[in-house]
Amino acid sequence: MAAMFIRVDIADSVQDDPAVCQQLVEVCPVDIFELDDGGRVRTVEDNLDECTLCDLCIDATQPGQIDVVKLYRE
C-alpha cells in the first residue's frame, strides 16, 4: 500500500468541461490525472504520493474546482 500524503478533490463542475478535464491530464508533471472511458477526469491513486504541490492543476481550473488537501501537518 502506497503512503498517501495528499488527497485531490475534483469539483463536479470540472466534469462539465471536456477541455478542462484534458488540461488537467496534460498539465500534471507526475500524471495524477487521467480520463476515464467517458471522458471524465479522475485521480490515479497510485500517483498521488508523487505530487510536488506545484499548483499547476489549481492554476488550470477556476477557483475551487481542484483542491489539494494535505493529509499531514507541516
N, C-alpha and C. Protein backbone atom coordinates (compact mmCIF):
# COMPACT_ATOMS: atom_id res chain seq x y z
N MET A 1 0.83 -1.18 0.00
CA MET A 1 0.00 0.00 0.00
C MET A 1 0.87 1.24 0.00
N ALA A 2 0.61 2.14 -0.93
CA ALA A 2 1.40 3.37 -1.06
C ALA A 2 1.03 4.34 0.05
N ALA A 3 2.02 5.07 0.53
CA ALA A 3 1.75 6.11 1.52
C ALA A 3 1.08 7.29 0.83
N MET A 4 0.02 7.78 1.41
CA MET A 4 -0.70 8.90 0.82
C MET A 4 -0.50 10.14 1.68
N PHE A 5 -0.01 11.18 1.08
CA PHE A 5 0.25 12.42 1.79
C PHE A 5 -0.74 13.51 1.41
N ILE A 6 -1.43 13.32 0.30
CA ILE A 6 -2.42 14.30 -0.15
C ILE A 6 -3.67 13.58 -0.65
N ARG A 7 -4.71 14.37 -0.77
CA ARG A 7 -5.93 13.95 -1.44
C ARG A 7 -6.27 15.07 -2.42
N VAL A 8 -6.70 14.72 -3.61
CA VAL A 8 -7.09 15.73 -4.59
C VAL A 8 -8.59 15.62 -4.79
N ASP A 9 -9.29 16.71 -4.47
CA ASP A 9 -10.73 16.77 -4.65
C ASP A 9 -11.03 17.50 -5.96
N ILE A 10 -11.85 16.89 -6.79
CA ILE A 10 -12.24 17.45 -8.07
C ILE A 10 -13.72 17.81 -7.99
N ALA A 11 -14.04 19.09 -8.19
CA ALA A 11 -15.43 19.53 -8.14
C ALA A 11 -16.20 18.95 -9.33
N ASP A 12 -17.48 18.69 -9.11
CA ASP A 12 -18.33 18.16 -10.18
C ASP A 12 -18.34 19.06 -11.41
N SER A 13 -18.20 20.36 -11.21
CA SER A 13 -18.25 21.31 -12.33
C SER A 13 -17.12 21.09 -13.34
N VAL A 14 -16.02 20.51 -12.91
CA VAL A 14 -14.91 20.22 -13.82
C VAL A 14 -15.37 19.24 -14.90
N GLN A 15 -16.19 18.29 -14.53
CA GLN A 15 -16.63 17.24 -15.45
C GLN A 15 -17.50 17.79 -16.58
N ASP A 16 -18.04 18.98 -16.42
CA ASP A 16 -18.88 19.60 -17.43
C ASP A 16 -18.09 20.22 -18.57
N ASP A 17 -16.77 20.29 -18.42
CA ASP A 17 -15.92 20.94 -19.43
C ASP A 17 -14.82 19.99 -19.89
N PRO A 18 -15.04 19.32 -21.02
CA PRO A 18 -14.03 18.36 -21.51
C PRO A 18 -12.65 18.98 -21.71
N ALA A 19 -12.59 20.26 -22.07
CA ALA A 19 -11.29 20.92 -22.27
C ALA A 19 -10.53 21.03 -20.95
N VAL A 20 -11.23 21.32 -19.88
CA VAL A 20 -10.58 21.41 -18.57
C VAL A 20 -10.12 20.03 -18.12
N CYS A 21 -10.94 19.03 -18.34
CA CYS A 21 -10.54 17.65 -18.00
C CYS A 21 -9.25 17.28 -18.71
N GLN A 22 -9.18 17.56 -19.99
CA GLN A 22 -7.98 17.26 -20.78
C GLN A 22 -6.79 18.08 -20.30
N GLN A 23 -7.02 19.35 -19.97
CA GLN A 23 -5.95 20.23 -19.50
C GLN A 23 -5.34 19.68 -18.21
N LEU A 24 -6.15 19.16 -17.32
CA LEU A 24 -5.62 18.59 -16.07
C LEU A 24 -4.70 17.41 -16.35
N VAL A 25 -5.09 16.57 -17.28
CA VAL A 25 -4.26 15.42 -17.65
C VAL A 25 -2.92 15.90 -18.23
N GLU A 26 -2.98 16.92 -19.06
CA GLU A 26 -1.77 17.40 -19.74
C GLU A 26 -0.83 18.18 -18.83
N VAL A 27 -1.38 18.93 -17.89
CA VAL A 27 -0.57 19.85 -17.11
C VAL A 27 0.19 19.18 -15.96
N CYS A 28 -0.31 18.07 -15.45
CA CYS A 28 0.31 17.45 -14.28
C CYS A 28 1.62 16.75 -14.64
N PRO A 29 2.72 17.17 -14.04
CA PRO A 29 4.02 16.57 -14.37
C PRO A 29 4.21 15.15 -13.83
N VAL A 30 3.35 14.71 -12.91
CA VAL A 30 3.50 13.38 -12.32
C VAL A 30 2.28 12.49 -12.57
N ASP A 31 1.48 12.84 -13.55
CA ASP A 31 0.37 12.01 -14.04
C ASP A 31 -0.63 11.61 -12.94
N ILE A 32 -1.05 12.59 -12.16
CA ILE A 32 -2.05 12.33 -11.13
C ILE A 32 -3.44 12.19 -11.74
N PHE A 33 -3.66 12.80 -12.90
CA PHE A 33 -4.98 12.79 -13.52
C PHE A 33 -5.01 11.91 -14.76
N GLU A 34 -6.17 11.28 -14.99
CA GLU A 34 -6.40 10.52 -16.21
C GLU A 34 -7.87 10.66 -16.58
N LEU A 35 -8.17 10.39 -17.83
CA LEU A 35 -9.55 10.40 -18.29
C LEU A 35 -10.10 8.99 -18.28
N ASP A 36 -11.35 8.84 -17.82
CA ASP A 36 -11.97 7.53 -17.88
C ASP A 36 -12.58 7.33 -19.27
N ASP A 37 -13.22 6.22 -19.50
CA ASP A 37 -13.78 5.92 -20.81
C ASP A 37 -14.85 6.91 -21.25
N GLY A 38 -15.47 7.61 -20.30
CA GLY A 38 -16.49 8.59 -20.61
C GLY A 38 -15.96 10.00 -20.76
N GLY A 39 -14.63 10.16 -20.66
CA GLY A 39 -14.02 11.48 -20.79
C GLY A 39 -14.01 12.29 -19.51
N ARG A 40 -14.39 11.67 -18.40
CA ARG A 40 -14.35 12.34 -17.10
C ARG A 40 -12.96 12.21 -16.50
N VAL A 41 -12.51 13.25 -15.83
CA VAL A 41 -11.19 13.21 -15.22
C VAL A 41 -11.31 12.58 -13.83
N ARG A 42 -10.28 11.82 -13.49
CA ARG A 42 -10.20 11.20 -12.16
C ARG A 42 -8.74 11.17 -11.74
N THR A 43 -8.51 10.90 -10.47
CA THR A 43 -7.14 10.82 -9.99
C THR A 43 -6.63 9.39 -10.13
N VAL A 44 -5.33 9.29 -10.31
CA VAL A 44 -4.64 8.00 -10.33
C VAL A 44 -4.08 7.81 -8.92
N GLU A 45 -4.77 7.00 -8.14
CA GLU A 45 -4.43 6.85 -6.72
C GLU A 45 -2.96 6.48 -6.51
N ASP A 46 -2.40 5.62 -7.36
CA ASP A 46 -1.01 5.19 -7.19
C ASP A 46 -0.01 6.31 -7.41
N ASN A 47 -0.43 7.41 -8.04
CA ASN A 47 0.49 8.51 -8.33
C ASN A 47 0.36 9.67 -7.35
N LEU A 48 -0.63 9.64 -6.47
CA LEU A 48 -0.85 10.77 -5.58
C LEU A 48 0.36 11.09 -4.71
N ASP A 49 1.10 10.08 -4.29
CA ASP A 49 2.26 10.34 -3.43
C ASP A 49 3.43 10.96 -4.19
N GLU A 50 3.29 11.10 -5.51
CA GLU A 50 4.33 11.75 -6.33
C GLU A 50 4.10 13.25 -6.47
N CYS A 51 2.96 13.75 -5.98
CA CYS A 51 2.61 15.16 -6.14
C CYS A 51 3.71 16.06 -5.59
N THR A 52 4.07 17.08 -6.37
CA THR A 52 5.10 18.03 -5.97
C THR A 52 4.51 19.33 -5.43
N LEU A 53 3.18 19.38 -5.32
CA LEU A 53 2.48 20.58 -4.85
C LEU A 53 2.82 21.80 -5.71
N CYS A 54 2.89 21.59 -7.01
CA CYS A 54 3.28 22.64 -7.95
C CYS A 54 2.15 23.62 -8.26
N ASP A 55 0.91 23.24 -7.95
CA ASP A 55 -0.29 24.07 -8.18
C ASP A 55 -0.67 24.22 -9.65
N LEU A 56 -0.05 23.50 -10.56
CA LEU A 56 -0.42 23.61 -11.97
C LEU A 56 -1.86 23.19 -12.21
N CYS A 57 -2.33 22.20 -11.48
CA CYS A 57 -3.73 21.77 -11.63
C CYS A 57 -4.68 22.85 -11.11
N ILE A 58 -4.32 23.48 -10.03
CA ILE A 58 -5.15 24.55 -9.47
C ILE A 58 -5.18 25.74 -10.42
N ASP A 59 -4.02 26.06 -11.00
CA ASP A 59 -3.94 27.18 -11.94
C ASP A 59 -4.70 26.92 -13.24
N ALA A 60 -4.90 25.65 -13.58
CA ALA A 60 -5.57 25.28 -14.83
C ALA A 60 -7.09 25.30 -14.72
N THR A 61 -7.61 25.53 -13.52
CA THR A 61 -9.05 25.48 -13.29
C THR A 61 -9.52 26.76 -12.62
N GLN A 62 -10.83 26.90 -12.54
CA GLN A 62 -11.42 28.02 -11.82
C GLN A 62 -11.25 27.80 -10.32
N PRO A 63 -11.25 28.88 -9.54
CA PRO A 63 -11.11 28.74 -8.09
C PRO A 63 -12.14 27.77 -7.51
N GLY A 64 -11.64 26.86 -6.68
CA GLY A 64 -12.49 25.89 -6.01
C GLY A 64 -12.77 24.62 -6.77
N GLN A 65 -12.31 24.53 -8.02
CA GLN A 65 -12.58 23.31 -8.79
C GLN A 65 -11.65 22.16 -8.45
N ILE A 66 -10.42 22.48 -8.07
CA ILE A 66 -9.45 21.48 -7.64
C ILE A 66 -8.96 21.90 -6.26
N ASP A 67 -8.94 20.95 -5.35
CA ASP A 67 -8.45 21.22 -4.01
C ASP A 67 -7.45 20.13 -3.64
N VAL A 68 -6.22 20.53 -3.38
CA VAL A 68 -5.19 19.59 -2.94
C VAL A 68 -5.14 19.68 -1.42
N VAL A 69 -5.54 18.59 -0.78
CA VAL A 69 -5.65 18.55 0.66
C VAL A 69 -4.45 17.79 1.22
N LYS A 70 -3.67 18.46 2.03
CA LYS A 70 -2.53 17.82 2.68
C LYS A 70 -3.04 16.98 3.85
N LEU A 71 -2.61 15.75 3.91
CA LEU A 71 -3.04 14.83 4.95
C LEU A 71 -1.98 14.68 6.04
N TYR A 72 -1.19 15.72 6.22
CA TYR A 72 -0.13 15.71 7.21
C TYR A 72 0.01 17.11 7.79
N ARG A 73 0.71 17.21 8.86
CA ARG A 73 0.97 18.51 9.46
C ARG A 73 2.33 19.00 9.01
N GLU A 74 2.41 20.31 8.77
CA GLU A 74 3.70 20.87 8.34
C GLU A 74 4.53 21.23 9.55
